[in-house]
Amino acid sequence: MSRFISTAICALFVCSLCSSVASAATNLVAGKKTYETSCGTCHNTGLLKAPKLGDKVDWAPRIKQGVPLLVTHADKGFKGAKGMMPAKGGTATLTTAEISNAVAYMVKSSK
């Protein structure tokens, strides 16, 4: 009986990992779309001193602060020593989920 329970628990664990990976991929795909339509204007060119997508040196200290803080800054806006981030990247219709997906995409692309 204990082998059956152990096997069932292992199967559930593996399934949960698979669904997490699939969910993360979906979020990154959605994040890329949001990035391309709303974030790329600044993050492709460095406008308003935005860190460019893929610039590991410029993104490293930001990533070190943690994704939740980056999402908050992108959602609420932020003014720092290196530049500023308008609330919702200037696209007032973005949801927090869309912003979170876009931040995840930018972080993954800039590590």
PDB file of N, CA and C in Angstrom:
ATOM      1  N   MET A   1       0.824  -1.197   0.000  1.00  0.00           N
ATOM      2  CA  MET A   1       0.000   0.000   0.000  1.00  0.00           C
ATOM      3  C   MET A   1       0.869   1.262   0.000  1.00  0.00           C
ATOM      4  N   SER A   2       1.971   1.243   0.755  1.00  0.00           N
ATOM      5  CA  SER A   2       2.813   2.436   0.825  1.00  0.00           C
ATOM      6  C   SER A   2       3.496   2.718  -0.516  1.00  0.00           C
ATOM      7  N   ARG A   3       3.803   1.672  -1.302  1.00  0.00           N
ATOM      8  CA  ARG A   3       4.370   1.885  -2.636  1.00  0.00           C
ATOM      9  C   ARG A   3       3.370   2.594  -3.533  1.00  0.00           C
ATOM     10  N   PHE A   4       2.112   2.196  -3.423  1.00  0.00           N
ATOM     11  CA  PHE A   4       1.069   2.831  -4.223  1.00  0.00           C
ATOM     12  C   PHE A   4       0.962   4.309  -3.874  1.00  0.00           C
ATOM     13  N   ILE A   5       0.965   4.621  -2.592  1.00  0.00           N
ATOM     14  CA  ILE A   5       0.868   6.010  -2.147  1.00  0.00           C
ATOM     15  C   ILE A   5       2.092   6.793  -2.597  1.00  0.00           C
ATOM     16  N   SER A   6       3.270   6.206  -2.462  1.00  0.00           N
ATOM     17  CA  SER A   6       4.503   6.877  -2.902  1.00  0.00           C
ATOM     18  C   SER A   6       4.474   7.145  -4.401  1.00  0.00           C
ATOM     19  N   THR A   7       4.029   6.163  -5.167  1.00  0.00           N
ATOM     20  CA  THR A   7       3.946   6.325  -6.612  1.00  0.00           C
ATOM     21  C   THR A   7       2.945   7.425  -6.977  1.00  0.00           C
ATOM     22  N   ALA A   8       1.814   7.431  -6.299  1.00  0.00           N
ATOM     23  CA  ALA A   8       0.791   8.449  -6.568  1.00  0.00           C
ATOM     24  C   ALA A   8       1.310   9.838  -6.237  1.00  0.00           C
ATOM     25  N   ILE A   9       1.998   9.974  -5.134  1.00  0.00           N
ATOM     26  CA  ILE A   9       2.552  11.272  -4.748  1.00  0.00           C
ATOM     27  C   ILE A   9       3.594  11.728  -5.763  1.00  0.00           C
ATOM     28  N   CYS A  10       4.451  10.831  -6.189  1.00  0.00           N
ATOM     29  CA  CYS A  10       5.460  11.171  -7.200  1.00  0.00           C
ATOM     30  C   CYS A  10       4.792  11.606  -8.513  1.00  0.00           C
ATOM     31  N   ALA A  11       3.747  10.884  -8.916  1.00  0.00           N
ATOM     32  CA  ALA A  11       3.042  11.221 -10.153  1.00  0.00           C
ATOM     33  C   ALA A  11       2.410  12.612 -10.044  1.00  0.00           C
ATOM     34  N   LEU A  12       1.804  12.905  -8.917  1.00  0.00           N
ATOM     35  CA  LEU A  12       1.205  14.228  -8.713  1.00  0.00           C
ATOM     36  C   LEU A  12       2.264  15.326  -8.762  1.00  0.00           C
ATOM     37  N   PHE A  13       3.417  15.049  -8.164  1.00  0.00           N
ATOM     38  CA  PHE A  13       4.508  16.024  -8.163  1.00  0.00           C
ATOM     39  C   PHE A  13       4.982  16.301  -9.583  1.00  0.00           C
ATOM     40  N   VAL A  14       5.198  15.255 -10.364  1.00  0.00           N
ATOM     41  CA  VAL A  14       5.652  15.416 -11.744  1.00  0.00           C
ATOM     42  C   VAL A  14       4.615  16.184 -12.561  1.00  0.00           C
ATOM     43  N   CYS A  15       3.336  15.867 -12.376  1.00  0.00           N
ATOM     44  CA  CYS A  15       2.278  16.582 -13.098  1.00  0.00           C
ATOM     45  C   CYS A  15       2.257  18.055 -12.722  1.00  0.00           C
ATOM     46  N   SER A  16       2.466  18.348 -11.450  1.00  0.00           N
ATOM     47  CA  SER A  16       2.450  19.754 -11.038  1.00  0.00           C
ATOM     48  C   SER A  16       3.625  20.507 -11.647  1.00  0.00           C
ATOM     49  N   LEU A  17       4.774  19.848 -11.760  1.00  0.00           N
ATOM     50  CA  LEU A  17       5.922  20.489 -12.401  1.00  0.00           C
ATOM     51  C   LEU A  17       5.638  20.764 -13.868  1.00  0.00           C
ATOM     52  N   CYS A  18       5.038  19.803 -14.546  1.00  0.00           N
ATOM     53  CA  CYS A  18       4.737  19.979 -15.965  1.00  0.00           C
ATOM     54  C   CYS A  18       3.769  21.128 -16.176  1.00  0.00           C
ATOM     55  N   SER A  19       2.753  21.235 -15.345  1.00  0.00           N
ATOM     56  CA  SER A  19       1.790  22.318 -15.531  1.00  0.00           C
ATOM     57  C   SER A  19       2.423  23.661 -15.196  1.00  0.00           C
ATOM     58  N   SER A  20       3.357  23.705 -14.246  1.00  0.00           N
ATOM     59  CA  SER A  20       4.046  24.962 -13.929  1.00  0.00           C
ATOM     60  C   SER A  20       4.893  25.419 -15.098  1.00  0.00           C
ATOM     61  N   VAL A  21       5.581  24.477 -15.725  1.00  0.00           N
ATOM     62  CA  VAL A  21       6.423  24.812 -16.870  1.00  0.00           C
ATOM     63  C   VAL A  21       5.558  25.300 -18.016  1.00  0.00           C
ATOM     64  N   ALA A  22       4.447  24.630 -18.278  1.00  0.00           N
ATOM     65  CA  ALA A  22       3.554  25.045 -19.359  1.00  0.00           C
ATOM     66  C   ALA A  22       2.981  26.425 -19.060  1.00  0.00           C
ATOM     67  N   SER A  23       2.619  26.655 -17.818  1.00  0.00           N
ATOM     68  CA  SER A  23       2.071  27.952 -17.424  1.00  0.00           C
ATOM     69  C   SER A  23       3.114  29.046 -17.601  1.00  0.00           C
ATOM     70  N   ALA A  24       4.354  28.773 -17.218  1.00  0.00           N
ATOM     71  CA  ALA A  24       5.421  29.767 -17.362  1.00  0.00           C
ATOM     72  C   ALA A  24       5.642  30.092 -18.833  1.00  0.00           C
ATOM     73  N   ALA A  25       5.600  29.065 -19.705  1.00  0.00           N
ATOM     74  CA  ALA A  25       5.792  29.297 -21.127  1.00  0.00           C
ATOM     75  C   ALA A  25       4.662  30.166 -21.673  1.00  0.00           C
ATOM     76  N   THR A  26       3.442  29.891 -21.253  1.00  0.00           N
ATOM     77  CA  THR A  26       2.302  30.687 -21.701  1.00  0.00           C
ATOM     78  C   THR A  26       2.463  32.129 -21.245  1.00  0.00           C
ATOM     79  N   ASN A  27       2.893  32.327 -20.009  1.00  0.00           N
ATOM     80  CA  ASN A  27       3.083  33.683 -19.488  1.00  0.00           C
ATOM     81  C   ASN A  27       4.172  34.414 -20.259  1.00  0.00           C
ATOM     82  N   LEU A  28       5.227  33.727 -20.614  1.00  0.00           N
ATOM     83  CA  LEU A  28       6.305  34.370 -21.369  1.00  0.00           C
ATOM     84  C   LEU A  28       5.848  34.740 -22.776  1.00  0.00           C
ATOM     85  N   VAL A  29       5.011  33.900 -23.362  1.00  0.00           N
ATOM     86  CA  VAL A  29       4.470  34.215 -24.687  1.00  0.00           C
ATOM     87  C   VAL A  29       3.581  35.450 -24.595  1.00  0.00           C
ATOM     88  N   ALA A  30       2.709  35.475 -23.590  1.00  0.00           N
ATOM     89  CA  ALA A  30       1.851  36.648 -23.377  1.00  0.00           C
ATOM     90  C   ALA A  30       2.696  37.865 -23.043  1.00  0.00           C
ATOM     91  N   GLY A  31       3.754  37.648 -22.251  1.00  0.00           N
ATOM     92  CA  GLY A  31       4.646  38.744 -21.882  1.00  0.00           C
ATOM     93  C   GLY A  31       5.360  39.329 -23.083  1.00  0.00           C
ATOM     94  N   LYS A  32       5.770  38.470 -23.998  1.00  0.00           N
ATOM     95  CA  LYS A  32       6.440  38.953 -25.213  1.00  0.00           C
ATOM     96  C   LYS A  32       5.480  39.815 -26.030  1.00  0.00           C
ATOM     97  N   LYS A  33       4.236  39.386 -26.114  1.00  0.00           N
ATOM     98  CA  LYS A  33       3.237  40.154 -26.875  1.00  0.00           C
ATOM     99  C   LYS A  33       3.017  41.536 -26.237  1.00  0.00           C
ATOM    100  N   THR A  34       2.880  41.554 -24.910  1.00  0.00           N
ATOM    101  CA  THR A  34       2.713  42.830 -24.208  1.00  0.00           C
ATOM    102  C   THR A  34       3.949  43.691 -24.390  1.00  0.00           C
ATOM    103  N   TYR A  35       5.121  43.069 -24.287  1.00  0.00           N
ATOM    104  CA  TYR A  35       6.375  43.809 -24.486  1.00  0.00           C
ATOM    105  C   TYR A  35       6.384  44.471 -25.868  1.00  0.00           C
ATOM    106  N   GLU A  36       6.054  43.686 -26.874  1.00  0.00           N
ATOM    107  CA  GLU A  36       6.117  44.199 -28.247  1.00  0.00           C
ATOM    108  C   GLU A  36       5.120  45.331 -28.499  1.00  0.00           C
ATOM    109  N   THR A  37       3.957  45.275 -27.849  1.00  0.00           N
ATOM    110  CA  THR A  37       2.938  46.292 -28.110  1.00  0.00           C
ATOM    111  C   THR A  37       3.025  47.492 -27.173  1.00  0.00           C
ATOM    112  N   SER A  38       3.606  47.310 -25.974  1.00  0.00           N
ATOM    113  CA  SER A  38       3.576  48.398 -24.998  1.00  0.00           C
ATOM    114  C   SER A  38       4.923  48.805 -24.422  1.00  0.00           C
ATOM    115  N   CYS A  39       5.849  47.882 -24.313  1.00  0.00           N
ATOM    116  CA  CYS A  39       7.094  48.158 -23.588  1.00  0.00           C
ATOM    117  C   CYS A  39       8.285  48.447 -24.504  1.00  0.00           C
ATOM    118  N   GLY A  40       8.242  47.887 -25.693  1.00  0.00           N
ATOM    119  CA  GLY A  40       9.378  47.964 -26.599  1.00  0.00           C
ATOM    120  C   GLY A  40       9.757  49.367 -27.028  1.00  0.00           C
ATOM    121  N   THR A  41       8.798  50.266 -27.057  1.00  0.00           N
ATOM    122  CA  THR A  41       9.097  51.644 -27.469  1.00  0.00           C
ATOM    123  C   THR A  41      10.267  52.210 -26.663  1.00  0.00           C
ATOM    124  N   CYS A  42      10.246  52.006 -25.363  1.00  0.00           N
ATOM    125  CA  CYS A  42      11.333  52.513 -24.511  1.00  0.00           C
ATOM    126  C   CYS A  42      12.449  51.491 -24.326  1.00  0.00           C
ATOM    127  N   HIS A  43      12.082  50.218 -24.120  1.00  0.00           N
ATOM    128  CA  HIS A  43      13.093  49.213 -23.780  1.00  0.00           C
ATOM    129  C   HIS A  43      13.877  48.691 -24.980  1.00  0.00           C
ATOM    130  N   ASN A  44      13.466  49.015 -26.189  1.00  0.00           N
ATOM    131  CA  ASN A  44      14.277  48.692 -27.370  1.00  0.00           C
ATOM    132  C   ASN A  44      15.318  49.770 -27.635  1.00  0.00           C
ATOM    133  N   THR A  45      14.994  51.011 -27.259  1.00  0.00           N
ATOM    134  CA  THR A  45      15.845  52.146 -27.622  1.00  0.00           C
ATOM    135  C   THR A  45      16.567  52.788 -26.449  1.00  0.00           C
ATOM    136  N   GLY A  46      16.103  52.517 -25.218  1.00  0.00           N
ATOM    137  CA  GLY A  46      16.682  53.170 -24.051  1.00  0.00           C
ATOM    138  C   GLY A  46      16.042  54.521 -23.763  1.00  0.00           C
ATOM    139  N   LEU A  47      14.901  54.787 -24.367  1.00  0.00           N
ATOM    140  CA  LEU A  47      14.175  56.035 -24.143  1.00  0.00           C
ATOM    141  C   LEU A  47      13.871  56.197 -22.660  1.00  0.00           C
ATOM    142  N   LEU A  48      14.000  57.402 -22.143  1.00  0.00           N
ATOM    143  CA  LEU A  48      13.820  57.709 -20.711  1.00  0.00           C
ATOM    144  C   LEU A  48      14.792  56.910 -19.837  1.00  0.00           C
ATOM    145  N   LYS A  49      15.923  56.542 -20.452  1.00  0.00           N
ATOM    146  CA  LYS A  49      16.969  55.750 -19.779  1.00  0.00           C
ATOM    147  C   LYS A  49      16.481  54.372 -19.351  1.00  0.00           C
ATOM    148  N   ALA A  50      15.508  53.836 -20.085  1.00  0.00           N
ATOM    149  CA  ALA A  50      15.016  52.480 -19.813  1.00  0.00           C
ATOM    150  C   ALA A  50      16.118  51.474 -20.125  1.00  0.00           C
ATOM    151  N   PRO A  51      16.256  50.436 -19.288  1.00  0.00           N
ATOM    152  CA  PRO A  51      17.245  49.403 -19.612  1.00  0.00           C
ATOM    153  C   PRO A  51      16.810  48.659 -20.874  1.00  0.00           C
ATOM    154  N   LYS A  52      17.713  48.545 -21.832  1.00  0.00           N
ATOM    155  CA  LYS A  52      17.387  47.872 -23.085  1.00  0.00           C
ATOM    156  C   LYS A  52      17.239  46.367 -22.859  1.00  0.00           C
ATOM    157  N   LEU A  53      16.277  45.791 -23.561  1.00  0.00           N
ATOM    158  CA  LEU A  53      16.064  44.352 -23.489  1.00  0.00           C
ATOM    159  C   LEU A  53      17.354  43.628 -23.863  1.00  0.00           C
ATOM    160  N   GLY A  54      17.771  42.711 -23.028  1.00  0.00           N
ATOM    161  CA  GLY A  54      18.968  41.929 -23.296  1.00  0.00           C
ATOM    162  C   GLY A  54      20.258  42.521 -22.744  1.00  0.00           C
ATOM    163  N   ASP A  55      20.217  43.743 -22.217  1.00  0.00           N
ATOM    164  CA  ASP A  55      21.414  44.371 -21.655  1.00  0.00           C
ATOM    165  C   ASP A  55      21.650  43.825 -20.246  1.00  0.00           C
ATOM    166  N   LYS A  56      22.445  42.783 -20.163  1.00  0.00           N
ATOM    167  CA  LYS A  56      22.667  42.078 -18.897  1.00  0.00           C
ATOM    168  C   LYS A  56      23.242  42.983 -17.809  1.00  0.00           C
ATOM    169  N   VAL A  57      24.150  43.871 -18.175  1.00  0.00           N
ATOM    170  CA  VAL A  57      24.793  44.752 -17.200  1.00  0.00           C
ATOM    171  C   VAL A  57      23.776  45.730 -16.599  1.00  0.00           C
ATOM    172  N   ASP A  58      22.958  46.322 -17.440  1.00  0.00           N
ATOM    173  CA  ASP A  58      21.986  47.306 -16.964  1.00  0.00           C
ATOM    174  C   ASP A  58      20.835  46.640 -16.193  1.00  0.00           C
ATOM    175  N   TRP A  59      20.473  45.431 -16.594  1.00  0.00           N
ATOM    176  CA  TRP A  59      19.371  44.740 -15.930  1.00  0.00           C
ATOM    177  C   TRP A  59      19.784  44.059 -14.629  1.00  0.00           C
ATOM    178  N   ALA A  60      21.034  43.662 -14.487  1.00  0.00           N
ATOM    179  CA  ALA A  60      21.478  42.873 -13.324  1.00  0.00           C
ATOM    180  C   ALA A  60      21.089  43.477 -11.973  1.00  0.00           C
ATOM    181  N   PRO A  61      21.388  44.765 -11.712  1.00  0.00           N
ATOM    182  CA  PRO A  61      21.009  45.305 -10.400  1.00  0.00           C
ATOM    183  C   PRO A  61      19.491  45.378 -10.212  1.00  0.00           C
ATOM    184  N   ARG A  62      18.773  45.557 -11.282  1.00  0.00           N
ATOM    185  CA  ARG A  62      17.311  45.593 -11.190  1.00  0.00           C
ATOM    186  C   ARG A  62      16.772  44.200 -10.874  1.00  0.00           C
ATOM    187  N   ILE A  63      17.268  43.199 -11.585  1.00  0.00           N
ATOM    188  CA  ILE A  63      16.827  41.821 -11.368  1.00  0.00           C
ATOM    189  C   ILE A  63      17.150  41.393  -9.940  1.00  0.00           C
ATOM    190  N   LYS A  64      18.286  41.847  -9.436  1.00  0.00           N
ATOM    191  CA  LYS A  64      18.706  41.508  -8.073  1.00  0.00           C
ATOM    192  C   LYS A  64      17.692  41.990  -7.027  1.00  0.00           C
ATOM    193  N   GLN A  65      16.972  43.075  -7.327  1.00  0.00           N
ATOM    194  CA  GLN A  65      15.965  43.600  -6.400  1.00  0.00           C
ATOM    195  C   GLN A  65      14.734  42.711  -6.323  1.00  0.00           C
ATOM    196  N   GLY A  66      14.560  41.872  -7.314  1.00  0.00           N
ATOM    197  CA  GLY A  66      13.440  40.939  -7.321  1.00  0.00           C
ATOM    198  C   GLY A  66      12.342  41.337  -8.291  1.00  0.00           C
ATOM    199  N   VAL A  67      11.752  40.326  -8.886  1.00  0.00           N
ATOM    200  CA  VAL A  67      10.691  40.538  -9.865  1.00  0.00           C
ATOM    201  C   VAL A  67       9.479  41.250  -9.251  1.00  0.00           C
ATOM    202  N   PRO A  68       9.056  40.900  -8.018  1.00  0.00           N
ATOM    203  CA  PRO A  68       7.892  41.614  -7.462  1.00  0.00           C
ATOM    204  C   PRO A  68       8.076  43.137  -7.422  1.00  0.00           C
ATOM    205  N   LEU A  69       9.271  43.594  -7.079  1.00  0.00           N
ATOM    206  CA  LEU A  69       9.522  45.038  -7.042  1.00  0.00           C
ATOM    207  C   LEU A  69       9.510  45.627  -8.451  1.00  0.00           C
ATOM    208  N   LEU A  70      10.063  44.899  -9.414  1.00  0.00           N
ATOM    209  CA  LEU A  70      10.047  45.369 -10.801  1.00  0.00           C
ATOM    210  C   LEU A  70       8.610  45.497 -11.310  1.00  0.00           C
ATOM    211  N   VAL A  71       7.775  44.546 -10.951  1.00  0.00           N
ATOM    212  CA  VAL A  71       6.370  44.599 -11.356  1.00  0.00           C
ATOM    213  C   VAL A  71       5.693  45.815 -10.715  1.00  0.00           C
ATOM    214  N   THR A  72       5.964  46.041  -9.433  1.00  0.00           N
ATOM    215  CA  THR A  72       5.384  47.207  -8.750  1.00  0.00           C
ATOM    216  C   THR A  72       5.820  48.503  -9.414  1.00  0.00           C
ATOM    217  N   HIS A  73       7.106  48.616  -9.729  1.00  0.00           N
ATOM    218  CA  HIS A  73       7.607  49.828 -10.388  1.00  0.00           C
ATOM    219  C   HIS A  73       6.952  50.014 -11.760  1.00  0.00           C
ATOM    220  N   ALA A  74       6.809  48.930 -12.496  1.00  0.00           N
ATOM    221  CA  ALA A  74       6.193  49.022 -13.822  1.00  0.00           C
ATOM    222  C   ALA A  74       4.706  49.355 -13.714  1.00  0.00           C
ATOM    223  N   ASP A  75       4.054  48.827 -12.706  1.00  0.00           N
ATOM    224  CA  ASP A  75       2.615  49.036 -12.535  1.00  0.00           C
ATOM    225  C   ASP A  75       2.303  50.436 -11.990  1.00  0.00           C
ATOM    226  N   LYS A  76       3.016  50.842 -10.968  1.00  0.00           N
ATOM    227  CA  LYS A  76       2.719  52.102 -10.278  1.00  0.00           C
ATOM    228  C   LYS A  76       3.544  53.287 -10.781  1.00  0.00           C
ATOM    229  N   GLY A  77       4.649  52.982 -11.462  1.00  0.00           N
ATOM    230  CA  GLY A  77       5.557  54.035 -11.898  1.00  0.00           C
ATOM    231  C   GLY A  77       6.705  54.168 -10.904  1.00  0.00           C
ATOM    232  N   PHE A  78       7.807  54.736 -11.379  1.00  0.00           N
ATOM    233  CA  PHE A  78       9.000  54.838 -10.534  1.00  0.00           C
ATOM    234  C   PHE A  78       9.929  55.899 -11.115  1.00  0.00           C
ATOM    235  N   LYS A  79      10.528  56.666 -10.230  1.00  0.00           N
ATOM    236  CA  LYS A  79      11.559  57.614 -10.657  1.00  0.00           C
ATOM    237  C   LYS A  79      12.796  57.340  -9.824  1.00  0.00           C
ATOM    238  N   GLY A  80      13.893  57.015 -10.495  1.00  0.00           N
ATOM    239  CA  GLY A  80      15.129  56.694  -9.807  1.00  0.00           C
ATOM    240  C   GLY A  80      16.279  57.531 -10.326  1.00  0.00           C
ATOM    241  N   ALA A  81      17.464  57.247  -9.826  1.00  0.00           N
ATOM    242  CA  ALA A  81      18.657  57.994 -10.207  1.00  0.00           C
ATOM    243  C   ALA A  81      19.002  57.806 -11.689  1.00  0.00           C
ATOM    244  N   LYS A  82      18.675  56.633 -12.246  1.00  0.00           N
ATOM    245  CA  LYS A  82      19.040  56.348 -13.633  1.00  0.00           C
ATOM    246  C   LYS A  82      17.954  56.678 -14.642  1.00  0.00           C
ATOM    247  N   GLY A  83      16.780  57.001 -14.186  1.00  0.00           N
ATOM    248  CA  GLY A  83      15.707  57.284 -15.138  1.00  0.00           C
ATOM    249  C   GLY A  83      14.354  57.121 -14.489  1.00  0.00           C
ATOM    250  N   MET A  84      13.337  56.999 -15.327  1.00  0.00           N
ATOM    251  CA  MET A  84      11.997  56.851 -14.784  1.00  0.00           C
ATOM    252  C   MET A  84      11.192  55.835 -15.578  1.00  0.00           C
ATOM    253  N   MET A  85      10.187  55.294 -14.891  1.00  0.00           N
ATOM    254  CA  MET A  85       9.279  54.323 -15.484  1.00  0.00           C
ATOM    255  C   MET A  85       7.874  54.870 -15.289  1.00  0.00           C
ATOM    256  N   PRO A  86       7.200  55.254 -16.377  1.00  0.00           N
ATOM    257  CA  PRO A  86       5.829  55.731 -16.212  1.00  0.00           C
ATOM    258  C   PRO A  86       4.915  54.594 -15.762  1.00  0.00           C
ATOM    259  N   ALA A  87       3.902  54.920 -14.983  1.00  0.00           N
ATOM    260  CA  ALA A  87       2.949  53.906 -14.538  1.00  0.00           C
ATOM    261  C   ALA A  87       2.388  53.159 -15.747  1.00  0.00           C
ATOM    262  N   LYS A  88       2.385  51.841 -15.641  1.00  0.00           N
ATOM    263  CA  LYS A  88       1.882  50.949 -16.695  1.00  0.00           C
ATOM    264  C   LYS A  88       2.570  51.199 -18.041  1.00  0.00           C
ATOM    265  N   GLY A  89       3.789  51.725 -17.971  1.00  0.00           N
ATOM    266  CA  GLY A  89       4.539  51.996 -19.184  1.00  0.00           C
ATOM    267  C   GLY A  89       3.852  52.991 -20.099  1.00  0.00           C
ATOM    268  N   GLY A  90       2.931  53.760 -19.507  1.00  0.00           N
ATOM    269  CA  GLY A  90       2.194  54.729 -20.305  1.00  0.00           C
ATOM    270  C   GLY A  90       0.969  54.145 -20.996  1.00  0.00           C
ATOM    271  N   THR A  91       0.713  52.852 -20.795  1.00  0.00           N
ATOM    272  CA  THR A  91      -0.457  52.207 -21.384  1.00  0.00           C
ATOM    273  C   THR A  91      -1.442  51.910 -20.255  1.00  0.00           C
ATOM    274  N   ALA A  92      -2.330  52.846 -19.999  1.00  0.00           N
ATOM    275  CA  ALA A  92      -3.224  52.778 -18.840  1.00  0.00           C
ATOM    276  C   ALA A  92      -4.114  51.544 -18.811  1.00  0.00           C
ATOM    277  N   THR A  93      -4.326  50.905 -19.940  1.00  0.00           N
ATOM    278  CA  THR A  93      -5.224  49.753 -19.997  1.00  0.00           C
ATOM    279  C   THR A  93      -4.568  48.433 -19.593  1.00  0.00           C
ATOM    280  N   LEU A  94      -3.252  48.428 -19.386  1.00  0.00           N
ATOM    281  CA  LEU A  94      -2.575  47.180 -19.005  1.00  0.00           C
ATOM    282  C   LEU A  94      -3.008  46.720 -17.622  1.00  0.00           C
ATOM    283  N   THR A  95      -3.220  45.423 -17.496  1.00  0.00           N
ATOM    284  CA  THR A  95      -3.529  44.842 -16.192  1.00  0.00           C
ATOM    285  C   THR A  95      -2.236  44.491 -15.482  1.00  0.00           C
ATOM    286  N   THR A  96      -2.337  44.253 -14.192  1.00  0.00           N
ATOM    287  CA  THR A  96      -1.153  43.835 -13.430  1.00  0.00           C
ATOM    288  C   THR A  96      -0.629  42.502 -13.960  1.00  0.00           C
ATOM    289  N   ALA A  97      -1.514  41.612 -14.371  1.00  0.00           N
ATOM    290  CA  ALA A  97      -1.085  40.315 -14.925  1.00  0.00           C
ATOM    291  C   ALA A  97      -0.295  40.515 -16.219  1.00  0.00           C
ATOM    292  N   GLU A  98      -0.760  41.405 -17.077  1.00  0.00           N
ATOM    293  CA  GLU A  98      -0.035  41.678 -18.323  1.00  0.00           C
ATOM    294  C   GLU A  98       1.333  42.284 -18.033  1.00  0.00           C
ATOM    295  N   ILE A  99       1.377  43.188 -17.081  1.00  0.00           N
ATOM    296  CA  ILE A  99       2.652  43.800 -16.692  1.00  0.00           C
ATOM    297  C   ILE A  99       3.583  42.746 -16.120  1.00  0.00           C
ATOM    298  N   SER A 100       3.052  41.891 -15.268  1.00  0.00           N
ATOM    299  CA  SER A 100       3.857  40.821 -14.667  1.00  0.00           C
ATOM    300  C   SER A 100       4.433  39.901 -15.733  1.00  0.00           C
ATOM    301  N   ASN A 101       3.623  39.540 -16.720  1.00  0.00           N
ATOM    302  CA  ASN A 101       4.104  38.693 -17.815  1.00  0.00           C
ATOM    303  C   ASN A 101       5.189  39.392 -18.621  1.00  0.00           C
ATOM    304  N   ALA A 102       5.003  40.680 -18.890  1.00  0.00           N
ATOM    305  CA  ALA A 102       5.999  41.432 -19.654  1.00  0.00           C
ATOM    306  C   ALA A 102       7.311  41.554 -18.880  1.00  0.00           C
ATOM    307  N   VAL A 103       7.215  41.809 -17.576  1.00  0.00           N
ATOM    308  CA  VAL A 103       8.422  41.890 -16.745  1.00  0.00           C
ATOM    309  C   VAL A 103       9.142  40.538 -16.738  1.00  0.00           C
ATOM    310  N   ALA A 104       8.388  39.453 -16.600  1.00  0.00           N
ATOM    311  CA  ALA A 104       8.999  38.109 -16.612  1.00  0.00           C
ATOM    312  C   ALA A 104       9.719  37.871 -17.936  1.00  0.00           C
ATOM    313  N   TYR A 105       9.109  38.279 -19.037  1.00  0.00           N
ATOM    314  CA  TYR A 105       9.728  38.140 -20.352  1.00  0.00           C
ATOM    315  C   TYR A 105      11.021  38.956 -20.444  1.00  0.00           C
ATOM    316  N   MET A 106      10.978  40.205 -19.969  1.00  0.00           N
ATOM    317  CA  MET A 106      12.168  41.059 -20.043  1.00  0.00           C
ATOM    318  C   MET A 106      13.288  40.536 -19.154  1.00  0.00           C
ATOM    319  N   VAL A 107      12.933  40.073 -17.963  1.00  0.00           N
ATOM    320  CA  VAL A 107      13.947  39.521 -17.039  1.00  0.00           C
ATOM    321  C   VAL A 107      14.586  38.284 -17.661  1.00  0.00           C
ATOM    322  N   LYS A 108      13.773  37.372 -18.185  1.00  0.00           N
ATOM    323  CA  LYS A 108      14.300  36.152 -18.797  1.00  0.00           C
ATOM    324  C   LYS A 108      15.191  36.487 -19.988  1.00  0.00           C
ATOM    325  N   SER A 109      14.816  37.512 -20.745  1.00  0.00           N
ATOM    326  CA  SER A 109      15.589  37.901 -21.929  1.00  0.00           C
ATOM    327  C   SER A 109      16.842  38.690 -21.589  1.00  0.00           C
ATOM    328  N   SER A 110      16.972  39.096 -20.346  1.00  0.00           N
ATOM    329  CA  SER A 110      18.081  39.982 -19.968  1.00  0.00           C
ATOM    330  C   SER A 110      19.008  39.370 -18.924  1.00  0.00           C
ATOM    331  N   LYS A 111      18.885  38.087 -18.670  1.00  0.00           N
ATOM    332  CA  LYS A 111      19.778  37.406 -17.712  1.00  0.00           C
ATOM    333  C   LYS A 111      21.010  36.916 -18.405  1.00  0.00           C
TER     334      LYS A 111
END
